Amino acid sequence: MLRATPRWTRRLRRNLTARAIAGS
């Protein structure tokens, strides 16, 4: 239950944030 966050989640979060900013 305490595993470190996988690397791809950081990249996914960055990409989704960038998409939201670009769209807005």
PDB file of all heavy atoms in Angstrom:
ATOM      1  N   MET A   1       0.820  -1.214   0.000  1.00  0.00           N
ATOM      2  CA  MET A   1       0.000   0.000   0.000  1.00  0.00           C
ATOM      3  C   MET A   1       0.855   1.266   0.000  1.00  0.00           C
ATOM      4  O   MET A   1       0.348   2.345  -0.267  1.00  0.00           O
ATOM      5  CB  MET A   1      -0.916   0.014   1.222  1.00  0.00           C
ATOM      6  CG  MET A   1      -1.935  -1.060   1.234  1.00  0.00           C
ATOM      7  SD  MET A   1      -2.895  -0.908   2.726  1.00  0.00           S
ATOM      8  CE  MET A   1      -4.230  -1.989   2.356  1.00  0.00           C
ATOM      9  N   LEU A   2       2.122   1.146   0.292  1.00  0.00           N
ATOM     10  CA  LEU A   2       3.002   2.296   0.431  1.00  0.00           C
ATOM     11  C   LEU A   2       4.027   2.402  -0.685  1.00  0.00           C
ATOM     12  O   LEU A   2       5.018   3.093  -0.544  1.00  0.00           O
ATOM     13  CB  LEU A   2       3.733   2.228   1.780  1.00  0.00           C
ATOM     14  CG  LEU A   2       2.842   2.187   3.007  1.00  0.00           C
ATOM     15  CD1 LEU A   2       3.686   1.973   4.252  1.00  0.00           C
ATOM     16  CD2 LEU A   2       2.026   3.453   3.123  1.00  0.00           C
ATOM     17  N   ARG A   3       3.788   1.747  -1.783  1.00  0.00           N
ATOM     18  CA  ARG A   3       4.742   1.788  -2.896  1.00  0.00           C
ATOM     19  C   ARG A   3       4.932   3.207  -3.410  1.00  0.00           C
ATOM     20  O   ARG A   3       4.028   4.027  -3.370  1.00  0.00           O
ATOM     21  CB  ARG A   3       4.240   0.921  -4.042  1.00  0.00           C
ATOM     22  CG  ARG A   3       4.556  -0.530  -3.827  1.00  0.00           C
ATOM     23  CD  ARG A   3       4.198  -1.299  -5.054  1.00  0.00           C
ATOM     24  NE  ARG A   3       2.880  -1.867  -4.780  1.00  0.00           N
ATOM     25  CZ  ARG A   3       2.070  -2.359  -5.671  1.00  0.00           C
ATOM     26  NH1 ARG A   3       2.390  -2.348  -6.932  1.00  0.00           N
ATOM     27  NH2 ARG A   3       0.929  -2.872  -5.335  1.00  0.00           N
ATOM     28  N   ALA A   4       6.113   3.442  -3.924  1.00  0.00           N
ATOM     29  CA  ALA A   4       6.408   4.743  -4.529  1.00  0.00           C
ATOM     30  C   ALA A   4       5.551   4.930  -5.780  1.00  0.00           C
ATOM     31  O   ALA A   4       5.180   3.961  -6.441  1.00  0.00           O
ATOM     32  CB  ALA A   4       7.881   4.825  -4.893  1.00  0.00           C
ATOM     33  N   THR A   5       5.242   6.168  -6.079  1.00  0.00           N
ATOM     34  CA  THR A   5       4.460   6.487  -7.267  1.00  0.00           C
ATOM     35  C   THR A   5       5.243   6.102  -8.515  1.00  0.00           C
ATOM     36  O   THR A   5       6.395   6.494  -8.657  1.00  0.00           O
ATOM     37  CB  THR A   5       4.150   7.997  -7.306  1.00  0.00           C
ATOM     38  OG1 THR A   5       3.546   8.358  -6.077  1.00  0.00           O
ATOM     39  CG2 THR A   5       3.222   8.340  -8.451  1.00  0.00           C
ATOM     40  N   PRO A   6       4.625   5.355  -9.421  1.00  0.00           N
ATOM     41  CA  PRO A   6       5.332   5.001 -10.660  1.00  0.00           C
ATOM     42  C   PRO A   6       5.713   6.242 -11.465  1.00  0.00           C
ATOM     43  O   PRO A   6       5.043   7.271 -11.399  1.00  0.00           O
ATOM     44  CB  PRO A   6       4.305   4.163 -11.427  1.00  0.00           C
ATOM     45  CG  PRO A   6       3.308   3.724 -10.418  1.00  0.00           C
ATOM     46  CD  PRO A   6       3.311   4.768  -9.347  1.00  0.00           C
ATOM     47  N   ARG A   7       6.789   6.132 -12.242  1.00  0.00           N
ATOM     48  CA  ARG A   7       7.275   7.265 -13.029  1.00  0.00           C
ATOM     49  C   ARG A   7       6.237   7.794 -13.996  1.00  0.00           C
ATOM     50  O   ARG A   7       6.144   8.980 -14.224  1.00  0.00           O
ATOM     51  CB  ARG A   7       8.502   6.858 -13.825  1.00  0.00           C
ATOM     52  CG  ARG A   7       9.730   6.765 -13.037  1.00  0.00           C
ATOM     53  CD  ARG A   7      10.891   6.492 -13.954  1.00  0.00           C
ATOM     54  NE  ARG A   7      12.084   6.272 -13.181  1.00  0.00           N
ATOM     55  CZ  ARG A   7      13.195   5.836 -13.681  1.00  0.00           C
ATOM     56  NH1 ARG A   7      13.278   5.562 -14.955  1.00  0.00           N
ATOM     57  NH2 ARG A   7      14.238   5.662 -12.920  1.00  0.00           N
ATOM     58  N   TRP A   8       5.455   6.892 -14.591  1.00  0.00           N
ATOM     59  CA  TRP A   8       4.529   7.340 -15.624  1.00  0.00           C
ATOM     60  C   TRP A   8       3.432   8.233 -15.065  1.00  0.00           C
ATOM     61  O   TRP A   8       2.859   9.024 -15.800  1.00  0.00           O
ATOM     62  CB  TRP A   8       3.934   6.159 -16.383  1.00  0.00           C
ATOM     63  CG  TRP A   8       3.134   5.220 -15.530  1.00  0.00           C
ATOM     64  CD1 TRP A   8       3.573   4.110 -14.895  1.00  0.00           C
ATOM     65  CD2 TRP A   8       1.738   5.330 -15.232  1.00  0.00           C
ATOM     66  NE1 TRP A   8       2.552   3.517 -14.207  1.00  0.00           N
ATOM     67  CE2 TRP A   8       1.409   4.246 -14.399  1.00  0.00           C
ATOM     68  CE3 TRP A   8       0.744   6.231 -15.585  1.00  0.00           C
ATOM     69  CZ2 TRP A   8       0.129   4.037 -13.924  1.00  0.00           C
ATOM     70  CZ3 TRP A   8      -0.540   6.027 -15.099  1.00  0.00           C
ATOM     71  CH2 TRP A   8      -0.837   4.942 -14.281  1.00  0.00           C
ATOM     72  N   THR A   9       3.142   8.177 -13.767  1.00  0.00           N
ATOM     73  CA  THR A   9       2.082   9.030 -13.230  1.00  0.00           C
ATOM     74  C   THR A   9       2.498  10.500 -13.230  1.00  0.00           C
ATOM     75  O   THR A   9       1.673  11.372 -13.448  1.00  0.00           O
ATOM     76  CB  THR A   9       1.657   8.599 -11.817  1.00  0.00           C
ATOM     77  OG1 THR A   9       2.782   8.603 -10.954  1.00  0.00           O
ATOM     78  CG2 THR A   9       1.028   7.221 -11.830  1.00  0.00           C
ATOM     79  N   ARG A  10       3.799  10.760 -12.993  1.00  0.00           N
ATOM     80  CA  ARG A  10       4.265  12.148 -13.058  1.00  0.00           C
ATOM     81  C   ARG A  10       4.143  12.695 -14.472  1.00  0.00           C
ATOM     82  O   ARG A  10       3.711  13.816 -14.684  1.00  0.00           O
ATOM     83  CB  ARG A  10       5.717  12.246 -12.594  1.00  0.00           C
ATOM     84  CG  ARG A  10       5.826  12.437 -11.103  1.00  0.00           C
ATOM     85  CD  ARG A  10       7.245  12.742 -10.715  1.00  0.00           C
ATOM     86  NE  ARG A  10       7.770  11.492 -10.188  1.00  0.00           N
ATOM     87  CZ  ARG A  10       9.015  11.092 -10.276  1.00  0.00           C
ATOM     88  NH1 ARG A  10       9.891  11.841 -10.886  1.00  0.00           N
ATOM     89  NH2 ARG A  10       9.394   9.952  -9.775  1.00  0.00           N
ATOM     90  N   ARG A  11       4.539  11.875 -15.438  1.00  0.00           N
ATOM     91  CA  ARG A  11       4.460  12.302 -16.842  1.00  0.00           C
ATOM     92  C   ARG A  11       3.007  12.485 -17.267  1.00  0.00           C
ATOM     93  O   ARG A  11       2.678  13.435 -17.964  1.00  0.00           O
ATOM     94  CB  ARG A  11       5.153  11.282 -17.731  1.00  0.00           C
ATOM     95  CG  ARG A  11       5.116  11.662 -19.178  1.00  0.00           C
ATOM     96  CD  ARG A  11       6.393  11.242 -19.867  1.00  0.00           C
ATOM     97  NE  ARG A  11       6.388  11.580 -21.257  1.00  0.00           N
ATOM     98  CZ  ARG A  11       6.783  12.744 -21.747  1.00  0.00           C
ATOM     99  NH1 ARG A  11       7.224  13.674 -20.933  1.00  0.00           N
ATOM    100  NH2 ARG A  11       6.754  12.982 -23.035  1.00  0.00           N
ATOM    101  N   LEU A  12       2.140  11.585 -16.821  1.00  0.00           N
ATOM    102  CA  LEU A  12       0.723  11.699 -17.138  1.00  0.00           C
ATOM    103  C   LEU A  12       0.132  12.969 -16.530  1.00  0.00           C
ATOM    104  O   LEU A  12      -0.597  13.707 -17.194  1.00  0.00           O
ATOM    105  CB  LEU A  12      -0.040  10.471 -16.637  1.00  0.00           C
ATOM    106  CG  LEU A  12      -1.547  10.487 -16.833  1.00  0.00           C
ATOM    107  CD1 LEU A  12      -1.895  10.522 -18.322  1.00  0.00           C
ATOM    108  CD2 LEU A  12      -2.175   9.268 -16.164  1.00  0.00           C
ATOM    109  N   ARG A  13       0.466  13.241 -15.285  1.00  0.00           N
ATOM    110  CA  ARG A  13      -0.048  14.445 -14.633  1.00  0.00           C
ATOM    111  C   ARG A  13       0.430  15.704 -15.345  1.00  0.00           C
ATOM    112  O   ARG A  13      -0.331  16.643 -15.576  1.00  0.00           O
ATOM    113  CB  ARG A  13       0.385  14.482 -13.166  1.00  0.00           C
ATOM    114  CG  ARG A  13      -0.236  15.652 -12.414  1.00  0.00           C
ATOM    115  CD  ARG A  13       0.112  15.622 -10.980  1.00  0.00           C
ATOM    116  NE  ARG A  13       1.490  16.083 -10.847  1.00  0.00           N
ATOM    117  CZ  ARG A  13       2.123  16.179  -9.703  1.00  0.00           C
ATOM    118  NH1 ARG A  13       1.548  15.820  -8.588  1.00  0.00           N
ATOM    119  NH2 ARG A  13       3.360  16.620  -9.653  1.00  0.00           N
ATOM    120  N   ARG A  14       1.713  15.733 -15.734  1.00  0.00           N
ATOM    121  CA  ARG A  14       2.252  16.884 -16.452  1.00  0.00           C
ATOM    122  C   ARG A  14       1.543  17.072 -17.789  1.00  0.00           C
ATOM    123  O   ARG A  14       1.179  18.188 -18.155  1.00  0.00           O
ATOM    124  CB  ARG A  14       3.755  16.722 -16.658  1.00  0.00           C
ATOM    125  CG  ARG A  14       4.381  17.921 -17.360  1.00  0.00           C
ATOM    126  CD  ARG A  14       5.876  17.824 -17.498  1.00  0.00           C
ATOM    127  NE  ARG A  14       6.244  16.653 -18.264  1.00  0.00           N
ATOM    128  CZ  ARG A  14       7.257  15.855 -17.967  1.00  0.00           C
ATOM    129  NH1 ARG A  14       8.003  16.082 -16.932  1.00  0.00           N
ATOM    130  NH2 ARG A  14       7.536  14.825 -18.726  1.00  0.00           N
ATOM    131  N   ASN A  15       1.322  15.975 -18.523  1.00  0.00           N
ATOM    132  CA  ASN A  15       0.667  16.067 -19.819  1.00  0.00           C
ATOM    133  C   ASN A  15      -0.784  16.520 -19.677  1.00  0.00           C
ATOM    134  O   ASN A  15      -1.244  17.369 -20.443  1.00  0.00           O
ATOM    135  CB  ASN A  15       0.733  14.728 -20.552  1.00  0.00           C
ATOM    136  CG  ASN A  15       0.158  14.820 -21.935  1.00  0.00           C
ATOM    137  OD1 ASN A  15      -1.030  14.554 -22.116  1.00  0.00           O
ATOM    138  ND2 ASN A  15       0.975  15.198 -22.903  1.00  0.00           N
ATOM    139  N   LEU A  16      -1.501  15.985 -18.705  1.00  0.00           N
ATOM    140  CA  LEU A  16      -2.897  16.386 -18.511  1.00  0.00           C
ATOM    141  C   LEU A  16      -3.002  17.847 -18.072  1.00  0.00           C
ATOM    142  O   LEU A  16      -3.910  18.568 -18.499  1.00  0.00           O
ATOM    143  CB  LEU A  16      -3.576  15.476 -17.491  1.00  0.00           C
ATOM    144  CG  LEU A  16      -3.808  14.039 -17.944  1.00  0.00           C
ATOM    145  CD1 LEU A  16      -4.363  13.206 -16.795  1.00  0.00           C
ATOM    146  CD2 LEU A  16      -4.720  13.980 -19.152  1.00  0.00           C
ATOM    147  N   THR A  17      -2.065  18.295 -17.244  1.00  0.00           N
ATOM    148  CA  THR A  17      -2.050  19.699 -16.841  1.00  0.00           C
ATOM    149  C   THR A  17      -1.769  20.595 -18.040  1.00  0.00           C
ATOM    150  O   THR A  17      -2.421  21.625 -18.227  1.00  0.00           O
ATOM    151  CB  THR A  17      -0.998  19.934 -15.739  1.00  0.00           C
ATOM    152  OG1 THR A  17      -1.302  19.091 -14.625  1.00  0.00           O
ATOM    153  CG2 THR A  17      -0.984  21.373 -15.289  1.00  0.00           C
ATOM    154  N   ALA A  18      -0.806  20.194 -18.882  1.00  0.00           N
ATOM    155  CA  ALA A  18      -0.485  20.977 -20.082  1.00  0.00           C
ATOM    156  C   ALA A  18      -1.687  21.036 -21.023  1.00  0.00           C
ATOM    157  O   ALA A  18      -1.969  22.087 -21.608  1.00  0.00           O
ATOM    158  CB  ALA A  18       0.720  20.373 -20.797  1.00  0.00           C
ATOM    159  N   ARG A  19      -2.403  19.938 -21.177  1.00  0.00           N
ATOM    160  CA  ARG A  19      -3.598  19.929 -22.029  1.00  0.00           C
ATOM    161  C   ARG A  19      -4.672  20.871 -21.480  1.00  0.00           C
ATOM    162  O   ARG A  19      -5.325  21.588 -22.229  1.00  0.00           O
ATOM    163  CB  ARG A  19      -4.152  18.521 -22.155  1.00  0.00           C
ATOM    164  CG  ARG A  19      -3.339  17.631 -23.043  1.00  0.00           C
ATOM    165  CD  ARG A  19      -3.935  16.219 -23.105  1.00  0.00           C
ATOM    166  NE  ARG A  19      -3.106  15.357 -23.887  1.00  0.00           N
ATOM    167  CZ  ARG A  19      -3.165  15.262 -25.211  1.00  0.00           C
ATOM    168  NH1 ARG A  19      -4.038  15.974 -25.882  1.00  0.00           N
ATOM    169  NH2 ARG A  19      -2.353  14.454 -25.855  1.00  0.00           N
ATOM    170  N   ALA A  20      -4.840  20.864 -20.168  1.00  0.00           N
ATOM    171  CA  ALA A  20      -5.836  21.744 -19.558  1.00  0.00           C
ATOM    172  C   ALA A  20      -5.459  23.212 -19.753  1.00  0.00           C
ATOM    173  O   ALA A  20      -6.316  24.047 -20.074  1.00  0.00           O
ATOM    174  CB  ALA A  20      -5.980  21.421 -18.068  1.00  0.00           C
ATOM    175  N   ILE A  21      -4.187  23.539 -19.579  1.00  0.00           N
ATOM    176  CA  ILE A  21      -3.723  24.912 -19.760  1.00  0.00           C
ATOM    177  C   ILE A  21      -3.879  25.335 -21.208  1.00  0.00           C
ATOM    178  O   ILE A  21      -4.373  26.427 -21.499  1.00  0.00           O
ATOM    179  CB  ILE A  21      -2.257  25.062 -19.299  1.00  0.00           C
ATOM    180  CG1 ILE A  21      -2.173  24.896 -17.780  1.00  0.00           C
ATOM    181  CG2 ILE A  21      -1.678  26.397 -19.727  1.00  0.00           C
ATOM    182  CD1 ILE A  21      -0.752  24.789 -17.260  1.00  0.00           C
ATOM    183  N   ALA A  22      -3.469  24.467 -22.133  1.00  0.00           N
ATOM    184  CA  ALA A  22      -3.590  24.792 -23.567  1.00  0.00           C
ATOM    185  C   ALA A  22      -5.052  24.991 -23.942  1.00  0.00           C
ATOM    186  O   ALA A  22      -5.397  25.951 -24.647  1.00  0.00           O
ATOM    187  CB  ALA A  22      -2.965  23.682 -24.415  1.00  0.00           C
ATOM    188  N   GLY A  23      -5.919  24.124 -23.481  1.00  0.00           N
ATOM    189  CA  GLY A  23      -7.338  24.247 -23.799  1.00  0.00           C
ATOM    190  C   GLY A  23      -7.962  25.498 -23.225  1.00  0.00           C
ATOM    191  O   GLY A  23      -8.732  26.193 -23.895  1.00  0.00           O
ATOM    192  N   SER A  24      -7.640  25.805 -21.987  1.00  0.00           N
ATOM    193  CA  SER A  24      -8.186  26.988 -21.338  1.00  0.00           C
ATOM    194  C   SER A  24      -7.733  28.268 -22.037  1.00  0.00           C
ATOM    195  O   SER A  24      -8.528  29.177 -22.269  1.00  0.00           O
ATOM    196  CB  SER A  24      -7.765  27.015 -19.871  1.00  0.00           C
ATOM    197  OG  SER A  24      -8.243  28.178 -19.236  1.00  0.00           O
TER     198      SER A  24
END
